[in-house]
């Protein structure tokens, strides 16, 4: 293989696609610009053309083409969000389906397309025969809501109420803010400092705790009242004294003013002499590779799940007694349906990282792995002696991947969880049209997109290792995901333009028995409010509009034929790529 850079080269020039050419053709795809931008950041040189068929070629490779398309039933972002359940999940906070004002399905499609190209090149470099891949926004959308779909198809109901409501809270002086804590005592102490009633504090903890799972949080009204009676200074003091964290909602203009232009991932190679090849008759791009995953919640587990779908053997590191989230309701065959959505097919090894002997066992496992992946809190890996420098000393060929909240890019950043990053980066403003108050979505937009970008980064690191022999440290973050998702809106803000979409943007139309979504930039030719959905669709299609019904009950998607059941009876969305 032609080497893009020697292991001793500066990190900024060590790009896995150096020396490769990028070309595009055909009708536009969902995210042509994003795909081209990411490929160029990784070193490919393009001709400036755009299209839904993106090809990479160069010395040592037979070339690979990725085809991006919307899907069988959808024609654009609005119809993709409607048909895959994104509108339903995002709208739970408000009680009706709502479209995201950012191009979430298209963004996910673009990142998945880059993954497919990197995986195909890696397969070729290891002796495989992958020549093409297809990615659709329909499948990307289903992947984005896979945890919610799994819960909808579980054997039991949710453990908490699924009803409208949720953050942000607002102070008496008009500061809208997010609140975060993983500690019920900190939650209680925060609200006591604001003189909230004890019963409301107790009743509020469960919806707060489960909001990541249900995409809603029906808080008792007295909690909102307590926040509205307090000045922002008092609220900050309450957070500081209780151990909770608060973050005021920042605007896109504020994010644009501080934006550093960093790519969504960073690859840092170090000297090694890797020269591996795929096993004989490998049937997937990552066959024969081992990923050691020490992930929690969504971001890192999703990254590892995608690598597993591409053929890697994923070994999950769990605490003694197993991951407590295995028991999170609702369950299928006694195992959390949501947990299965991210972790099915993985092996598991229980390791007590507080034990010196078990940490040594983990180091020994990493010495035999191709990838070590984690999303521990900042500084935790170094404290445990499990940071990049520790593990690469024993295994120089390791791809060490850290999926974090902030990647160390922002000073005095709050806790790096999905909703806090949404609040801090202007996602709450970008996600809603101009006639809705800014508010982070309670759909885990950044955890999911952060997991996709994490897998993209690991694949880039593996390809860089394959081409140069170098070991690689790979860093990605929720901040990087936020910057990718809000790129267009942030650019408008930087130019002094209104960054938000107009009032009513992507808001579905009510019918007599449901909801319908029109493609973006479509005019409503007639009133359909009194028509049944089927009749309304027929009338709109007669006017030449590609309208689709809005999925409001995710369980209805399970009968579509594209979603299967795993060995536990839990719904499993299809892999987002089709390789040839």
Protein backbone atom coordinates (compact mmCIF):
# COMPACT_ATOMS: atom_id res chain seq x y z
CA UNK A 1 0.00 0.00 0.00
CA UNK A 2 1.10 3.54 -0.63
CA UNK A 3 1.83 5.22 2.68
CA UNK A 4 0.24 8.65 3.30
CA UNK A 5 2.79 9.59 5.95
CA UNK A 6 5.52 8.04 8.01
CA UNK A 7 4.79 7.37 11.69
CA UNK A 8 7.24 10.11 12.60
CA UNK A 9 5.32 12.74 10.66
CA UNK A 10 3.47 15.54 12.44
CA UNK A 11 0.06 14.54 13.70
CA UNK A 12 -1.67 17.18 11.60
CA UNK A 13 -0.37 15.62 8.37
CA UNK A 14 -0.98 11.97 9.29
CA UNK A 15 -4.27 11.51 7.47
CA UNK A 16 -5.52 8.08 6.35
CA UNK A 17 -6.73 9.26 2.93
CA UNK A 18 -3.62 11.17 1.83
CA UNK A 19 -2.84 10.30 -1.79
CA UNK A 20 -6.44 9.29 -2.60
CA UNK A 21 -8.81 11.07 -4.99
CA UNK A 22 -12.43 11.92 -4.30
CA UNK A 23 -15.03 12.24 -7.04
CA UNK A 24 -18.80 12.51 -7.00
CA UNK A 25 -21.52 11.98 -9.58
CA UNK A 26 -25.22 11.37 -10.02
CA UNK A 27 -28.25 13.07 -8.49
CA UNK A 28 -27.76 14.82 -5.15
CA UNK A 29 -27.76 12.64 -2.05
CA UNK A 30 -28.82 13.45 1.52
CA UNK A 31 -25.44 14.79 2.69
CA UNK A 32 -23.03 15.25 -0.19
CA UNK A 33 -21.33 18.29 1.33
CA UNK A 34 -20.74 16.64 4.70
CA UNK A 35 -19.29 13.50 3.09
CA UNK A 36 -16.92 15.52 0.91
CA UNK A 37 -15.85 17.72 3.82
CA UNK A 38 -15.04 14.80 6.11
CA UNK A 39 -13.15 12.96 3.37
CA UNK A 40 -11.08 16.06 2.64
CA UNK A 41 -10.32 16.51 6.34
CA UNK A 42 -9.05 12.93 6.27
CA UNK A 43 -6.75 13.71 3.34
CA UNK A 44 -8.65 12.97 0.12
CA UNK A 45 -8.42 15.48 -2.74
CA UNK A 46 -11.59 16.17 -4.66
CA UNK A 47 -12.66 17.72 -7.94
CA UNK A 48 -15.34 19.91 -6.37
CA UNK A 49 -18.27 18.05 -7.91
CA UNK A 50 -21.15 16.84 -5.78
CA UNK A 51 -23.58 13.97 -6.11
CA UNK A 52 -25.04 10.99 -4.34
CA UNK A 53 -22.35 8.61 -5.63
CA UNK A 54 -19.02 9.28 -3.94
CA UNK A 55 -15.91 7.43 -5.08
CA UNK A 56 -12.47 7.13 -3.51
CA UNK A 57 -9.57 5.77 -5.52
CA UNK A 58 -5.78 5.88 -5.56
CA UNK A 59 -2.58 3.87 -5.69
CA UNK A 60 -2.86 0.50 -4.01
CA UNK A 61 -6.68 0.44 -3.99
CA UNK A 62 -9.20 -0.82 -6.53
CA UNK A 63 -11.52 2.02 -5.53
CA UNK A 64 -14.79 2.11 -3.66
CA UNK A 65 -18.08 3.93 -4.28
CA UNK A 66 -20.69 4.86 -1.69
CA UNK A 67 -24.22 5.63 -2.87
CA UNK A 68 -26.36 7.76 -0.55
CA UNK A 69 -30.09 8.09 -1.06
CA UNK A 70 -33.18 9.05 0.88
CA UNK A 71 -35.03 5.73 0.73
CA UNK A 72 -37.97 3.93 -0.77
CA UNK A 73 -40.76 6.08 0.64
CA UNK A 74 -39.06 9.34 1.60
CA UNK A 75 -37.71 12.13 -0.57
CA UNK A 76 -36.05 14.60 1.81
CA UNK A 77 -35.23 15.39 5.45
CA UNK A 78 -38.80 16.18 6.53
CA UNK A 79 -40.27 12.97 5.14
CA UNK A 80 -37.34 10.94 6.49
CA UNK A 81 -37.92 12.27 10.01
CA UNK A 82 -41.65 11.56 9.71
CA UNK A 83 -41.34 8.01 8.38
CA UNK A 84 -38.64 6.75 10.76
CA UNK A 85 -40.06 7.96 14.07
CA UNK A 86 -37.69 10.90 14.63
CA UNK A 87 -40.59 13.38 14.67
CA UNK A 88 -42.47 11.19 17.14
CA UNK A 89 -39.55 10.91 19.57
CA UNK A 90 -38.48 14.55 19.33
CA UNK A 91 -42.10 15.64 19.83
CA UNK A 92 -42.71 13.70 23.05
CA UNK A 93 -41.67 16.70 25.17
CA UNK A 94 -44.39 18.79 23.49
CA UNK A 95 -47.08 16.13 23.21
CA UNK A 96 -47.32 16.11 19.40
CA UNK A 97 -44.88 15.03 16.66
CA UNK A 98 -42.40 17.76 15.78
CA UNK A 99 -39.76 17.98 13.09
CA UNK A 100 -36.19 18.79 14.05
CA UNK A 101 -35.14 22.03 12.36
CA UNK A 102 -31.65 20.57 11.86
CA UNK A 103 -30.99 17.95 9.17
CA UNK A 104 -30.48 15.08 11.57
CA UNK A 105 -31.27 12.13 9.28
CA UNK A 106 -29.10 13.57 6.51
CA UNK A 107 -26.22 14.22 8.91
CA UNK A 108 -26.36 10.66 10.21
CA UNK A 109 -26.49 9.38 6.62
CA UNK A 110 -23.40 11.36 5.69
CA UNK A 111 -21.36 10.08 8.64
CA UNK A 112 -22.47 6.51 7.89
CA UNK A 113 -21.41 6.95 4.26
CA UNK A 114 -17.92 8.02 5.34
CA UNK A 115 -17.81 4.99 7.63
CA UNK A 116 -18.70 2.76 4.68
CA UNK A 117 -15.93 4.22 2.51
CA UNK A 118 -13.32 3.89 5.25
CA UNK A 119 -14.42 0.34 6.06
CA UNK A 120 -14.29 -0.61 2.38
CA UNK A 121 -10.79 0.80 1.95
CA UNK A 122 -9.68 -0.99 5.12
CA UNK A 123 -11.10 -4.24 3.77
CA UNK A 124 -9.20 -3.76 0.49
CA UNK A 125 -5.99 -2.94 2.33
CA UNK A 126 -6.38 -6.17 4.32
CA UNK A 127 -6.93 -8.27 1.20
CA UNK A 128 -10.73 -8.06 0.93
CA UNK A 129 -12.93 -7.37 -2.09
CA UNK A 130 -15.40 -4.67 -0.98
CA UNK A 131 -16.05 -2.32 -3.91
CA UNK A 132 -19.21 -0.44 -3.00
CA UNK A 133 -21.76 0.42 -0.35
CA UNK A 134 -25.21 1.96 -0.09
CA UNK A 135 -26.54 4.07 2.77
CA UNK A 136 -30.10 5.38 3.00
CA UNK A 137 -31.56 8.08 5.21
CA UNK A 138 -34.40 5.70 6.07
CA UNK A 139 -31.99 3.23 7.64
CA UNK A 140 -30.01 6.03 9.27
CA UNK A 141 -33.22 7.32 10.85
CA UNK A 142 -34.15 3.89 12.18
CA UNK A 143 -30.69 3.53 13.70
CA UNK A 144 -31.06 6.95 15.34
CA UNK A 145 -34.23 5.87 17.18
CA UNK A 146 -33.24 2.22 17.68
CA UNK A 147 -33.35 2.41 21.49
CA UNK A 148 -36.83 3.94 21.46
CA UNK A 149 -37.98 1.34 18.92
CA UNK A 150 -36.61 -1.45 21.08
CA UNK A 151 -38.53 -0.16 24.10
CA UNK A 152 -41.72 0.11 22.05
CA UNK A 153 -41.44 -3.57 21.11
CA UNK A 154 -40.55 -4.88 24.56
CA UNK A 155 -42.60 -7.39 26.53
CA UNK A 156 -43.36 -4.91 29.32
CA UNK A 157 -44.25 -1.24 29.54
CA UNK A 158 -42.06 1.69 30.49
CA UNK A 159 -41.08 2.05 34.15
CA UNK A 160 -42.07 5.71 34.20
CA UNK A 161 -44.75 7.88 32.66
CA UNK A 162 -44.30 8.85 29.02
CA UNK A 163 -46.05 12.23 28.86
CA UNK A 164 -45.33 15.79 27.72
CA UNK A 165 -42.95 17.91 29.73
CA UNK A 166 -39.31 18.55 30.40
CA UNK A 167 -36.52 21.09 30.67
CA UNK A 168 -35.29 23.71 30.25
CA UNK A 169 -36.09 25.57 33.44
CA UNK A 170 -36.22 29.37 33.51
CA UNK A 171 -35.12 31.76 36.26
CA UNK A 172 -37.03 34.84 37.41
CA UNK A 173 -34.61 37.00 35.42
CA UNK A 174 -35.27 35.05 32.22
CA UNK A 175 -32.28 32.69 32.04
CA UNK A 176 -33.28 29.36 30.48
CA UNK A 177 -31.04 26.58 31.75
CA UNK A 178 -30.38 22.85 31.79
CA UNK A 179 -29.78 20.93 35.00
CA UNK A 180 -27.65 17.80 35.30
CA UNK A 181 -26.74 15.39 38.07
CA UNK A 182 -26.49 11.62 38.36
CA UNK A 183 -26.94 11.78 42.14
CA UNK A 184 -30.43 11.80 43.72
CA UNK A 185 -29.06 13.53 46.82
CA UNK A 186 -27.60 16.36 44.72
CA UNK A 187 -30.95 16.65 42.92
CA UNK A 188 -32.80 16.96 46.21
CA UNK A 189 -30.31 19.41 47.73
CA UNK A 190 -30.49 21.65 44.65
CA UNK A 191 -34.27 21.96 44.78
CA UNK A 192 -34.36 22.38 48.56
CA UNK A 193 -32.04 25.37 48.13
CA UNK A 194 -34.73 26.85 45.85
CA UNK A 195 -37.48 26.11 48.40
CA UNK A 196 -39.25 23.58 46.16
CA UNK A 197 -41.85 21.39 47.93
CA UNK A 198 -40.52 18.05 49.14
CA UNK A 199 -43.22 16.02 47.40
CA UNK A 200 -42.43 17.65 44.03
CA UNK A 201 -38.71 16.99 44.55
CA UNK A 202 -39.40 13.30 45.20
CA UNK A 203 -41.80 12.93 42.28
CA UNK A 204 -39.51 14.81 39.92
CA UNK A 205 -36.45 12.59 40.31
CA UNK A 206 -37.79 9.60 38.37
CA UNK A 207 -38.79 11.45 35.17
CA UNK A 208 -35.51 13.38 35.39
CA UNK A 209 -33.53 10.15 35.72
CA UNK A 210 -35.37 8.44 32.85
CA UNK A 211 -35.51 11.37 30.42
CA UNK A 212 -32.57 9.97 28.42
CA UNK A 213 -34.59 6.80 27.85
CA UNK A 214 -38.08 8.21 27.26
CA UNK A 215 -37.34 11.56 25.53
CA UNK A 216 -39.72 13.33 27.91
CA UNK A 217 -39.77 14.46 31.54
CA UNK A 218 -43.19 15.35 32.98
CA UNK A 219 -41.93 17.26 36.02
CA UNK A 220 -44.29 18.43 38.74
CA UNK A 221 -45.18 22.05 38.03
CA UNK A 222 -43.86 23.25 41.44
CA UNK A 223 -40.30 22.55 40.23
CA UNK A 224 -40.71 24.92 37.31
CA UNK A 225 -42.37 27.41 39.68
CA UNK A 226 -39.44 27.21 42.10
CA UNK A 227 -36.98 27.93 39.30
CA UNK A 228 -39.09 30.86 38.06
CA UNK A 229 -39.09 32.37 41.54
CA UNK A 230 -35.28 32.33 41.85
CA UNK A 231 -32.67 34.64 40.38
CA UNK A 232 -29.95 33.11 38.21
CA UNK A 233 -27.29 33.91 40.79
CA UNK A 234 -29.18 31.96 43.45
CA UNK A 235 -29.66 29.04 41.05
CA UNK A 236 -25.93 28.90 40.33
CA UNK A 237 -25.19 28.99 44.07
CA UNK A 238 -27.69 26.16 44.65
CA UNK A 239 -25.98 24.05 42.00
CA UNK A 240 -22.53 24.79 43.40
CA UNK A 241 -23.50 23.89 46.97
CA UNK A 242 -25.45 20.74 46.04
CA UNK A 243 -23.01 19.23 43.55
CA UNK A 244 -25.47 19.50 40.66
CA UNK A 245 -24.56 21.42 37.52
CA UNK A 246 -26.50 24.02 35.57
CA UNK A 247 -25.83 25.44 32.12
CA UNK A 248 -27.61 28.43 30.56
CA UNK A 249 -28.79 27.90 27.00
CA UNK A 250 -26.24 29.52 24.70
CA UNK A 251 -27.05 30.93 21.29
CA UNK A 252 -25.62 29.90 17.95
CA UNK A 253 -24.09 33.36 17.64
CA UNK A 254 -22.19 32.77 20.89
CA UNK A 255 -20.99 29.38 19.66
CA UNK A 256 -19.98 30.88 16.30
CA UNK A 257 -17.90 33.56 18.07
CA UNK A 258 -15.84 30.97 19.96
CA UNK A 259 -15.76 28.23 17.31
CA UNK A 260 -12.21 27.00 16.75
CA UNK A 261 -12.76 25.22 13.43
CA UNK A 262 -11.50 21.90 14.80
CA UNK A 263 -12.54 18.72 12.97
CA UNK A 264 -14.91 16.38 14.82
CA UNK A 265 -12.09 13.96 15.61
CA UNK A 266 -8.35 13.98 16.14
CA UNK A 267 -5.95 11.22 15.05
CA UNK A 268 -2.56 11.13 16.79
CA UNK A 269 -0.21 8.41 15.49
CA UNK A 270 2.80 6.97 17.27
CA UNK A 271 5.58 4.67 16.16
CA UNK A 272 4.68 1.01 15.64
CA UNK A 273 5.10 -1.66 12.97
CA UNK A 274 1.65 -3.06 12.28
CA UNK A 275 1.27 -5.24 9.18
CA UNK A 276 -1.89 -7.28 9.75
CA UNK A 277 -4.17 -8.79 7.13
CA UNK A 278 -7.70 -10.11 7.20
CA UNK A 279 -8.31 -13.80 7.87
CA UNK A 280 -8.97 -16.05 4.90
CA UNK A 281 -12.50 -15.78 3.50
CA UNK A 282 -13.34 -12.78 5.69
CA UNK A 283 -17.03 -11.93 5.24
CA UNK A 284 -17.01 -8.40 6.72
CA UNK A 285 -14.65 -5.40 6.54
CA UNK A 286 -13.47 -5.69 10.18
CA UNK A 287 -13.40 -9.49 10.41
CA UNK A 288 -10.52 -10.69 12.56
CA UNK A 289 -10.21 -7.44 14.55
CA UNK A 290 -10.93 -7.20 18.28
CA UNK A 291 -12.47 -4.17 19.99
CA UNK A 292 -12.23 -3.88 23.76
CA UNK A 293 -15.03 -1.55 24.91
CA UNK A 294 -15.29 0.05 28.35
CA UNK A 295 -18.32 2.18 27.54
CA UNK A 296 -21.27 3.52 29.49
CA UNK A 297 -24.73 4.62 28.41
CA UNK A 298 -24.95 5.42 24.66
CA UNK A 299 -21.98 7.10 22.96
CA UNK A 300 -19.17 4.52 23.29
CA UNK A 301 -21.49 1.46 23.27
CA UNK A 302 -23.02 2.65 19.98
CA UNK A 303 -19.55 3.19 18.52
CA UNK A 304 -18.61 -0.37 19.44
CA UNK A 305 -21.97 -1.70 18.19
CA UNK A 306 -21.30 -0.24 14.74
CA UNK A 307 -17.80 -1.71 14.68
CA UNK A 308 -19.36 -5.05 15.58
CA UNK A 309 -21.85 -4.76 12.73
CA UNK A 310 -18.83 -4.27 10.45
CA UNK A 311 -17.39 -7.59 11.60
CA UNK A 312 -15.19 -6.82 14.60
CA UNK A 313 -15.35 -8.99 17.70
CA UNK A 314 -16.43 -6.66 20.50
CA UNK A 315 -15.56 -7.54 24.08
CA UNK A 316 -17.40 -5.39 26.58
CA UNK A 317 -15.80 -4.56 29.93
CA UNK A 318 -18.44 -4.55 32.66
CA UNK A 319 -18.26 -4.05 36.44
CA UNK A 320 -18.59 -6.98 38.85
CA UNK A 321 -22.15 -8.26 38.64
CA UNK A 322 -22.53 -6.94 35.09
CA UNK A 323 -23.72 -3.66 33.61
CA UNK A 324 -26.61 -2.42 35.80
CA UNK A 325 -28.29 -1.06 32.66
CA UNK A 326 -28.94 -4.65 31.57
CA UNK A 327 -31.86 -4.54 34.01
CA UNK A 328 -33.29 -1.19 32.91
CA UNK A 329 -36.96 -1.64 31.92
CA UNK A 330 -38.66 -2.41 29.67
CA UNK A 331 -37.17 -5.88 29.13
CA UNK A 332 -37.20 -8.69 26.60
CA UNK A 333 -36.49 -12.14 28.06
CA UNK A 334 -35.30 -10.46 31.24
CA UNK A 335 -32.77 -8.13 29.54
CA UNK A 336 -33.29 -4.42 28.89
CA UNK A 337 -34.55 -3.85 25.35
CA UNK A 338 -32.69 -0.54 25.18
CA UNK A 339 -29.47 -2.19 26.36
CA UNK A 340 -29.81 -4.86 23.68
CA UNK A 341 -30.23 -2.19 20.99
CA UNK A 342 -26.63 -1.10 21.64
CA UNK A 343 -24.99 -4.24 23.00
CA UNK A 344 -26.43 -7.34 21.36
CA UNK A 345 -23.80 -9.68 19.99
CA UNK A 346 -21.00 -8.43 22.23
CA UNK A 347 -19.01 -10.65 24.54
CA UNK A 348 -18.68 -9.46 28.13
CA UNK A 349 -15.94 -9.71 30.73
CA UNK A 350 -16.42 -8.48 34.29
CA UNK A 351 -13.52 -6.35 35.53
CA UNK A 352 -13.25 -4.39 38.78
CA UNK A 353 -11.25 -1.38 37.63
CA UNK A 354 -10.75 -0.39 41.28
CA UNK A 355 -8.72 -3.56 41.81
CA UNK A 356 -5.00 -3.42 40.87
CA UNK A 357 -5.10 -7.08 39.85
CA UNK A 358 -8.10 -6.56 37.58
CA UNK A 359 -6.57 -3.45 36.04
CA UNK A 360 -3.51 -5.55 35.21
CA UNK A 361 -5.81 -8.14 33.65
CA UNK A 362 -7.41 -5.38 31.58
CA UNK A 363 -3.98 -4.20 30.41
CA UNK A 364 -3.18 -7.74 29.34
CA UNK A 365 -6.43 -7.88 27.35
CA UNK A 366 -5.63 -4.54 25.69
CA UNK A 367 -2.20 -5.90 24.73
CA UNK A 368 -3.98 -8.41 22.48
CA UNK A 369 -6.68 -6.07 21.11
CA UNK A 370 -6.80 -3.90 18.00
CA UNK A 371 -8.97 -1.18 19.54
CA UNK A 372 -9.47 -0.02 23.12
CA UNK A 373 -12.52 2.24 23.42
CA UNK A 374 -13.91 4.10 26.43
CA UNK A 375 -15.95 7.15 27.44
CA UNK A 376 -14.89 7.49 31.07
CA UNK A 377 -14.92 10.88 32.75
CA UNK A 378 -11.97 13.16 31.95
CA UNK A 379 -8.85 12.08 33.82
CA UNK A 380 -10.27 8.71 34.90
CA UNK A 381 -8.17 6.63 32.49
CA UNK A 382 -4.94 8.33 33.57
CA UNK A 383 -5.89 7.90 37.23
CA UNK A 384 -6.37 4.16 36.65
CA UNK A 385 -3.16 3.74 34.65
CA UNK A 386 -5.27 2.88 31.58
CA UNK A 387 -4.61 5.93 29.42
CA UNK A 388 -3.15 5.85 25.92
CA UNK A 389 0.44 6.08 27.11
CA UNK A 390 -0.04 3.12 29.47
CA UNK A 391 -1.74 0.76 27.04
CA UNK A 392 0.31 1.65 23.97
CA UNK A 393 3.50 0.91 25.90
CA UNK A 394 2.48 -2.75 25.95
CA UNK A 395 0.72 -2.70 22.57
CA UNK A 396 2.20 -0.04 20.24
CA UNK A 397 -0.12 -1.16 17.43
CA UNK A 398 -3.24 -0.33 19.45
CA UNK A 399 -5.89 2.12 18.22
CA UNK A 400 -6.81 3.85 21.49
CA UNK A 401 -10.19 5.60 21.17
CA UNK A 402 -11.68 8.07 23.64
CA UNK A 403 -15.23 9.30 23.01
CA UNK A 404 -15.71 12.21 25.41
CA UNK A 405 -18.06 15.10 26.05
CA UNK A 406 -15.83 18.07 25.29
CA UNK A 407 -12.45 16.74 24.01
CA UNK A 408 -10.77 19.34 26.23
CA UNK A 409 -11.70 22.11 23.77
CA UNK A 410 -13.74 24.38 26.07
CA UNK A 411 -12.58 25.99 29.28
CA UNK A 412 -14.84 25.57 32.32
CA UNK A 413 -17.23 23.33 30.40
CA UNK A 414 -20.09 21.74 32.36
CA UNK A 415 -20.65 18.01 32.69
CA UNK A 416 -20.25 16.46 29.23
CA UNK A 417 -23.67 14.84 28.87
CA UNK A 418 -25.95 15.07 25.86
CA UNK A 419 -28.39 17.71 27.09
CA UNK A 420 -25.69 19.87 28.68
CA UNK A 421 -23.69 19.88 25.44
CA UNK A 422 -26.87 20.73 23.51
CA UNK A 423 -27.45 23.67 25.87
CA UNK A 424 -23.87 24.94 25.74
CA UNK A 425 -23.45 24.78 21.94
CA UNK A 426 -26.68 26.30 20.62
CA UNK A 427 -28.28 23.02 19.56
CA UNK A 428 -31.39 24.02 21.48
CA UNK A 429 -31.75 27.04 19.20
CA UNK A 430 -30.91 25.18 15.98
CA UNK A 431 -33.25 22.26 16.65
CA UNK A 432 -36.42 24.36 16.82
CA UNK A 433 -38.00 26.83 14.37
CA UNK A 434 -38.38 30.52 15.14
CA UNK A 435 -41.85 30.23 16.73
CA UNK A 436 -40.65 27.76 19.40
CA UNK A 437 -38.52 28.81 22.38
CA UNK A 438 -34.98 27.38 22.18
CA UNK A 439 -34.79 24.08 24.05
CA UNK A 440 -32.55 21.04 23.73
CA UNK A 441 -34.30 18.03 22.26
CA UNK A 442 -34.95 15.24 24.75
CA UNK A 443 -34.13 12.79 21.98
CA UNK A 444 -30.47 11.92 22.59
CA UNK A 445 -29.30 13.68 19.44
CA UNK A 446 -25.66 14.06 20.41
CA UNK A 447 -25.14 10.74 22.16
CA UNK A 448 -26.26 8.97 18.97
CA UNK A 449 -24.44 11.26 16.54
CA UNK A 450 -21.41 11.19 18.85
CA UNK A 451 -21.47 7.39 18.65
CA UNK A 452 -21.60 7.54 14.84
CA UNK A 453 -18.71 10.00 14.71
CA UNK A 454 -16.80 7.86 17.20
CA UNK A 455 -17.07 4.87 14.85
CA UNK A 456 -16.04 7.06 11.90
CA UNK A 457 -12.96 8.13 13.87
CA UNK A 458 -12.01 4.58 14.88
CA UNK A 459 -12.29 3.43 11.26
CA UNK A 460 -10.05 6.33 10.21
CA UNK A 461 -7.56 5.29 12.89
CA UNK A 462 -7.61 1.65 11.75
CA UNK A 463 -7.05 2.67 8.13
CA UNK A 464 -4.19 4.98 9.14
CA UNK A 465 -2.63 2.10 11.08
CA UNK A 466 -3.06 -0.23 8.10
CA UNK A 467 -1.40 2.19 5.67
CA UNK A 468 1.44 3.41 7.88
CA UNK A 469 2.02 0.71 10.47
CA UNK A 470 1.53 3.33 13.20
CA UNK A 471 -0.47 2.93 16.36
CA UNK A 472 -3.05 5.70 16.75
CA UNK A 473 -4.86 7.61 19.48
CA UNK A 474 -8.33 8.67 18.34
CA UNK A 475 -10.36 11.38 20.09
CA UNK A 476 -13.98 12.29 19.32
CA UNK A 477 -16.63 14.07 21.36
CA UNK A 478 -20.21 15.22 21.79
CA UNK A 479 -18.92 18.74 21.14
CA UNK A 480 -17.68 17.58 17.74
CA UNK A 481 -21.09 16.02 17.07
CA UNK A 482 -22.83 19.28 18.01
CA UNK A 483 -20.59 21.29 15.70
CA UNK A 484 -21.27 18.90 12.80
CA UNK A 485 -25.03 18.98 13.40
CA UNK A 486 -25.29 22.78 13.67
CA UNK A 487 -22.78 23.59 10.93
CA UNK A 488 -25.23 25.31 8.58
CA UNK A 489 -27.08 27.23 11.30
CA UNK A 490 -23.81 28.29 12.96
CA UNK A 491 -22.53 29.55 9.61
CA UNK A 492 -25.64 31.71 9.21
CA UNK A 493 -25.12 33.10 12.70
CA UNK A 494 -21.46 33.88 11.93
CA UNK A 495 -22.61 35.94 8.93
CA UNK A 496 -25.02 37.96 11.07
CA UNK A 497 -28.06 36.22 9.57
CA UNK A 498 -30.96 34.68 11.45
CA UNK A 499 -29.71 31.15 12.17
CA UNK A 500 -33.15 29.71 12.85
CA UNK A 501 -35.62 28.17 10.45
CA UNK A 502 -38.89 30.06 9.91
CA UNK A 503 -41.99 29.60 12.05
CA UNK A 504 -43.75 26.31 11.48
CA UNK A 505 -40.78 24.73 9.73
CA UNK A 506 -41.15 20.93 9.45
CA UNK A 507 -44.28 20.98 11.58
CA UNK A 508 -46.53 18.12 10.48
CA UNK A 509 -50.12 18.72 9.45
CA UNK A 510 -52.96 17.25 11.52
CA UNK A 511 -55.57 15.07 9.85
CA UNK A 512 -58.79 13.66 11.27
CA UNK A 513 -56.95 10.62 12.64
CA UNK A 514 -53.23 11.37 12.55
CA UNK A 515 -50.52 13.51 11.03
CA UNK A 516 -48.93 14.06 7.63
CA UNK A 517 -45.54 15.52 6.70
CA UNK A 518 -44.87 17.39 3.49
CA UNK A 519 -41.45 17.73 1.91
CA UNK A 520 -39.52 20.86 2.86
CA UNK A 521 -40.41 23.96 0.84
CA UNK A 522 -43.82 22.55 -0.13
CA UNK A 523 -46.88 24.78 -0.07
CA UNK A 524 -50.09 23.42 1.45
CA UNK A 525 -52.60 23.34 -1.42
CA UNK A 526 -55.72 22.57 0.65
CA UNK A 527 -57.09 22.01 4.14
CA UNK A 528 -56.82 18.36 5.14
CA UNK A 529 -57.65 18.68 8.84
CA UNK A 530 -61.06 17.00 8.46
CA UNK A 531 -59.85 14.21 6.18
CA UNK A 532 -58.64 10.79 7.33
CA UNK A 533 -54.93 10.36 6.79
CA UNK A 534 -55.34 7.97 3.84
CA UNK A 535 -57.68 10.35 2.03
CA UNK A 536 -55.46 13.34 2.80
CA UNK A 537 -52.44 11.53 1.37
CA UNK A 538 -54.37 10.68 -1.78
CA UNK A 539 -55.44 14.28 -2.26
CA UNK A 540 -51.93 15.67 -1.67
CA UNK A 541 -50.32 13.12 -3.96
CA UNK A 542 -52.89 14.06 -6.58
CA UNK A 543 -51.44 17.57 -6.31
CA UNK A 544 -47.97 16.16 -7.00
CA UNK A 545 -46.74 16.27 -3.39
CA UNK A 546 -44.76 13.36 -1.92
CA UNK A 547 -46.45 13.51 1.47
CA UNK A 548 -46.00 10.71 4.01
CA UNK A 549 -47.87 9.75 7.18
CA UNK A 550 -46.06 10.65 10.38
CA UNK A 551 -45.19 7.65 12.53
CA UNK A 552 -46.62 8.40 15.97
CA UNK A 553 -46.61 4.90 17.50
CA UNK A 554 -43.13 3.39 17.14
CA UNK A 555 -44.59 -0.08 17.64
CA UNK A 556 -46.23 0.33 14.24
CA UNK A 557 -42.80 0.36 12.61
CA UNK A 558 -42.15 -3.14 13.88
CA UNK A 559 -44.56 -4.55 11.29
CA UNK A 560 -42.80 -2.80 8.41
CA UNK A 561 -40.68 -5.85 7.56
CA UNK A 562 -37.34 -4.06 7.84
CA UNK A 563 -37.05 -4.59 11.62
CA UNK A 564 -36.32 -8.09 12.87
CA UNK A 565 -36.35 -9.67 16.33
CA UNK A 566 -33.15 -10.85 18.00
CA UNK A 567 -32.69 -14.04 20.04
CA UNK A 568 -34.27 -12.33 23.07
CA UNK A 569 -37.30 -11.18 21.12
CA UNK A 570 -36.13 -7.56 21.08
CA UNK A 571 -36.56 -5.42 17.94
CA UNK A 572 -33.33 -5.02 15.94
CA UNK A 573 -33.00 -2.38 13.24
CA UNK A 574 -31.12 -3.37 10.07
CA UNK A 575 -27.46 -2.52 9.56
CA UNK A 576 -27.26 0.97 8.06
CA UNK A 577 -24.98 -0.02 5.16
CA UNK A 578 -25.27 -2.51 2.31
CA UNK A 579 -21.85 -3.59 0.98
CA UNK A 580 -21.04 -5.04 -2.41
